[in-house]
């Protein structure tokens, strides 16, 4: 039975000029996962990630003992969807500056995700606005995630445990394929994926099955949980 662990990256830097990097909290979440794996003496046989900085950095922290002897294999199949690019291209919202007080930041974040969800709902239904014509479509995103998983599974040995460090939307797309969810249900699911969470997929007798979703045993009692 091959086992794939889909791990969401630690919290990214939402208010930074470079969103695609781990925040201090994101680094702590990755360290907590590393410490948990060390405690239970967890073994990984292969380590993959998407090519995004926040995905690669999470892998480098959480799986660093394994990466002393295993290659860190990069697969852009597991990069996040382009929803953020679609929202930015729409011109309907700009991220607030980092120096705002926390209360104002939270207000701005809520406003952003309200806009984000509205545009995403239209985008996943194939209603591609003119400003997003050159951006990867939702359908293409789902196809590349599916292709990436199929490639890994086709090369997996029976008892291997494989870690894939990726993003919330990517994990939701993979789970959606397994459970045959609609596009709207997949996007709803993506809001629930916690930073550094683990989703377990197994392959049994040629069937790909969901074993667990969005677990965070390494964060219990640490007050490190985040969704954004």
Protein backbone atom coordinates (compact mmCIF):
# COMPACT_ATOMS: atom_id res chain seq x y z
CA UNK A 1 0.00 0.00 0.00
CA UNK A 2 1.65 3.24 -1.17
CA UNK A 3 0.93 6.26 1.00
CA UNK A 4 1.05 9.91 -0.04
CA UNK A 5 1.05 12.70 2.52
CA UNK A 6 -0.16 15.99 1.02
CA UNK A 7 1.19 18.71 3.30
CA UNK A 8 0.12 22.31 3.04
CA UNK A 9 2.93 24.83 3.37
CA UNK A 10 3.31 26.87 6.53
CA UNK A 11 1.71 30.30 6.71
CA UNK A 12 2.89 32.60 3.93
CA UNK A 13 3.68 36.32 4.32
CA UNK A 14 0.33 37.86 3.47
CA UNK A 15 1.31 41.48 4.14
CA UNK A 16 4.84 41.24 2.77
CA UNK A 17 6.08 42.46 -0.60
CA UNK A 18 6.89 38.79 -1.21
CA UNK A 19 3.80 36.75 -0.31
CA UNK A 20 5.59 33.58 -1.45
CA UNK A 21 7.74 33.16 1.64
CA UNK A 22 7.04 31.69 5.04
CA UNK A 23 6.04 34.09 7.79
CA UNK A 24 7.65 33.63 11.22
CA UNK A 25 4.52 31.65 12.21
CA UNK A 26 4.83 29.55 9.06
CA UNK A 27 8.39 28.62 9.98
CA UNK A 28 7.26 27.62 13.48
CA UNK A 29 4.54 25.41 11.98
CA UNK A 30 7.10 23.65 9.77
CA UNK A 31 9.44 23.23 12.76
CA UNK A 32 6.57 21.75 14.79
CA UNK A 33 5.94 19.19 12.04
CA UNK A 34 9.64 18.32 11.98
CA UNK A 35 9.68 17.86 15.78
CA UNK A 36 6.55 15.69 15.64
CA UNK A 37 8.02 13.44 12.96
CA UNK A 38 11.23 13.11 14.95
CA UNK A 39 9.27 12.21 18.09
CA UNK A 40 7.34 9.40 16.39
CA UNK A 41 10.39 8.39 14.29
CA UNK A 42 8.48 8.86 11.06
CA UNK A 43 10.09 7.54 7.89
CA UNK A 44 9.72 9.07 4.44
CA UNK A 45 10.84 7.28 1.29
CA UNK A 46 10.46 10.20 -1.12
CA UNK A 47 10.05 13.96 -0.72
CA UNK A 48 8.38 16.16 -3.33
CA UNK A 49 7.20 19.75 -3.40
CA UNK A 50 5.88 22.28 -5.83
CA UNK A 51 8.32 24.90 -7.05
CA UNK A 52 6.93 27.79 -4.98
CA UNK A 53 9.24 29.18 -2.31
CA UNK A 54 6.78 28.64 0.56
CA UNK A 55 6.31 24.99 -0.45
CA UNK A 56 10.04 24.29 -0.86
CA UNK A 57 10.96 26.03 2.39
CA UNK A 58 8.35 24.06 4.36
CA UNK A 59 9.81 20.83 2.96
CA UNK A 60 13.37 21.91 3.79
CA UNK A 61 12.41 22.54 7.43
CA UNK A 62 9.92 19.75 8.13
CA UNK A 63 11.71 16.97 6.22
CA UNK A 64 15.29 18.09 6.76
CA UNK A 65 16.46 14.82 8.32
CA UNK A 66 15.09 12.88 5.36
CA UNK A 67 16.61 15.33 2.88
CA UNK A 68 20.06 14.49 4.21
CA UNK A 69 19.80 11.23 2.24
CA UNK A 70 16.86 11.74 -0.14
CA UNK A 71 16.61 14.10 -3.11
CA UNK A 72 14.15 16.99 -2.84
CA UNK A 73 12.15 16.44 -6.01
CA UNK A 74 10.45 19.54 -7.46
CA UNK A 75 7.19 19.12 -9.38
CA UNK A 76 5.40 22.32 -10.51
CA UNK A 77 2.27 20.14 -10.89
CA UNK A 78 1.71 20.83 -7.19
CA UNK A 79 1.89 24.61 -7.33
CA UNK A 80 -1.20 26.50 -6.18
CA UNK A 81 -3.89 27.52 -8.65
CA UNK A 82 -3.81 31.01 -10.18
CA UNK A 83 -6.79 32.42 -8.30
CA UNK A 84 -4.65 35.09 -6.66
CA UNK A 85 -3.34 36.18 -10.06
CA UNK A 86 -6.90 36.40 -11.37
CA UNK A 87 -7.95 38.63 -8.45
CA UNK A 88 -4.90 40.87 -8.83
CA UNK A 89 -5.46 41.17 -12.59
CA UNK A 90 -9.07 42.20 -12.00
CA UNK A 91 -7.96 45.45 -10.37
CA UNK A 92 -10.77 45.05 -7.83
CA UNK A 93 -8.53 44.79 -4.80
CA UNK A 94 -5.00 45.58 -3.61
CA UNK A 95 -3.38 44.11 -0.54
CA UNK A 96 -3.07 46.67 2.28
CA UNK A 97 0.36 47.88 3.44
CA UNK A 98 2.10 45.94 6.19
CA UNK A 99 2.32 48.87 8.60
CA UNK A 100 -1.45 49.02 9.25
CA UNK A 101 -2.64 48.26 12.81
CA UNK A 102 -3.71 44.63 13.35
CA UNK A 103 -7.41 45.48 13.63
CA UNK A 104 -7.34 47.28 10.29
CA UNK A 105 -5.34 44.45 8.72
CA UNK A 106 -7.98 41.91 9.74
CA UNK A 107 -10.70 44.14 8.30
CA UNK A 108 -8.80 44.42 5.01
CA UNK A 109 -8.15 40.67 4.91
CA UNK A 110 -11.87 39.93 5.33
CA UNK A 111 -12.65 42.35 2.50
CA UNK A 112 -10.01 40.75 0.31
CA UNK A 113 -11.32 37.22 0.77
CA UNK A 114 -14.87 38.34 0.13
CA UNK A 115 -13.72 39.66 -3.26
CA UNK A 116 -11.47 36.64 -3.78
CA UNK A 117 -14.31 34.18 -3.20
CA UNK A 118 -16.68 36.02 -5.54
CA UNK A 119 -14.15 36.07 -8.40
CA UNK A 120 -13.07 32.47 -7.71
CA UNK A 121 -16.68 31.23 -7.87
CA UNK A 122 -17.02 32.71 -11.33
CA UNK A 123 -13.59 31.58 -12.49
CA UNK A 124 -14.03 27.91 -11.53
CA UNK A 125 -17.31 27.85 -13.45
CA UNK A 126 -15.36 28.72 -16.59
CA UNK A 127 -16.50 32.33 -16.76
CA UNK A 128 -13.10 33.64 -17.82
CA UNK A 129 -12.99 37.45 -17.82
CA UNK A 130 -10.94 39.26 -20.44
CA UNK A 131 -8.27 40.27 -17.93
CA UNK A 132 -7.63 36.58 -17.11
CA UNK A 133 -7.38 35.23 -20.66
CA UNK A 134 -3.64 34.54 -20.36
CA UNK A 135 -3.83 32.99 -16.87
CA UNK A 136 -4.00 29.22 -16.32
CA UNK A 137 -7.64 28.13 -16.16
CA UNK A 138 -9.22 26.24 -13.28
CA UNK A 139 -9.72 23.25 -15.56
CA UNK A 140 -6.02 23.25 -16.53
CA UNK A 141 -5.07 23.51 -12.85
CA UNK A 142 -7.14 20.45 -11.94
CA UNK A 143 -5.66 18.51 -14.86
CA UNK A 144 -2.05 19.21 -13.85
CA UNK A 145 -2.69 18.22 -10.20
CA UNK A 146 -4.26 14.98 -11.40
CA UNK A 147 -1.32 14.36 -13.73
CA UNK A 148 1.19 14.98 -10.94
CA UNK A 149 -0.48 12.52 -8.57
CA UNK A 150 -0.77 9.90 -11.29
CA UNK A 151 2.93 10.27 -12.07
CA UNK A 152 3.94 9.82 -8.44
CA UNK A 153 1.62 6.87 -7.89
CA UNK A 154 2.74 5.15 -11.08
CA UNK A 155 6.34 5.20 -9.79
CA UNK A 156 5.53 4.34 -6.15
CA UNK A 157 6.53 1.06 -4.54
CA UNK A 158 3.96 -0.82 -2.46
CA UNK A 159 5.05 0.22 1.02
CA UNK A 160 6.49 3.66 0.30
CA UNK A 161 5.51 6.74 2.26
CA UNK A 162 5.78 9.83 0.07
CA UNK A 163 5.55 13.44 1.24
CA UNK A 164 4.31 16.14 -1.14
CA UNK A 165 4.59 19.72 0.15
CA UNK A 166 2.00 21.79 -1.66
CA UNK A 167 -0.88 24.27 -1.16
CA UNK A 168 -4.47 24.32 0.05
CA UNK A 169 -6.12 24.61 -3.34
CA UNK A 170 -3.97 21.80 -4.71
CA UNK A 171 -4.86 19.50 -1.82
CA UNK A 172 -8.55 20.28 -2.25
CA UNK A 173 -8.35 19.52 -5.98
CA UNK A 174 -6.71 16.15 -5.27
CA UNK A 175 -9.30 15.26 -2.63
CA UNK A 176 -12.07 16.49 -4.92
CA UNK A 177 -10.96 14.09 -7.64
CA UNK A 178 -10.93 11.16 -5.24
CA UNK A 179 -14.36 11.99 -3.79
CA UNK A 180 -15.77 13.18 -7.14
CA UNK A 181 -16.70 16.61 -5.77
CA UNK A 182 -18.02 19.49 -7.84
CA UNK A 183 -15.85 22.53 -8.53
CA UNK A 184 -17.82 24.62 -6.02
CA UNK A 185 -17.39 21.96 -3.31
CA UNK A 186 -13.66 21.82 -4.00
CA UNK A 187 -13.29 25.58 -3.50
CA UNK A 188 -15.38 25.37 -0.31
CA UNK A 189 -13.07 22.62 0.93
CA UNK A 190 -9.99 24.73 0.23
CA UNK A 191 -11.03 27.29 2.87
CA UNK A 192 -10.73 24.56 5.50
CA UNK A 193 -7.15 23.43 4.82
CA UNK A 194 -4.90 24.55 7.68
CA UNK A 195 -1.29 25.61 7.23
CA UNK A 196 1.12 22.64 7.61
CA UNK A 197 -1.81 20.19 7.78
CA UNK A 198 -1.49 16.63 6.53
CA UNK A 199 -3.90 14.89 4.16
CA UNK A 200 -3.27 11.20 3.59
CA UNK A 201 -3.99 9.37 0.35
CA UNK A 202 -3.38 5.66 -0.12
CA UNK A 203 -3.31 3.41 -3.13
CA UNK A 204 -4.86 -0.01 -2.53
CA UNK A 205 -5.20 -2.58 -5.32
CA UNK A 206 -5.04 0.11 -7.97
CA UNK A 207 -7.59 2.34 -6.23
CA UNK A 208 -6.70 5.77 -4.84
CA UNK A 209 -8.47 6.42 -1.53
CA UNK A 210 -8.65 9.26 1.01
CA UNK A 211 -7.50 8.04 4.41
CA UNK A 212 -7.47 11.30 6.37
CA UNK A 213 -7.94 15.00 5.70
CA UNK A 214 -6.44 18.17 7.19
CA UNK A 215 -4.91 16.71 10.36
CA UNK A 216 -2.56 18.76 12.56
CA UNK A 217 -1.33 16.52 15.41
CA UNK A 218 1.92 18.52 15.55
CA UNK A 219 0.05 21.75 16.39
CA UNK A 220 -2.07 20.44 19.27
CA UNK A 221 -1.64 22.67 22.33
CA UNK A 222 0.86 24.96 20.58
CA UNK A 223 -1.46 27.81 19.47
CA UNK A 224 0.13 27.77 16.04
CA UNK A 225 -2.91 26.99 13.89
CA UNK A 226 -3.70 29.31 10.95
CA UNK A 227 -5.73 29.10 7.76
CA UNK A 228 -4.16 31.93 5.72
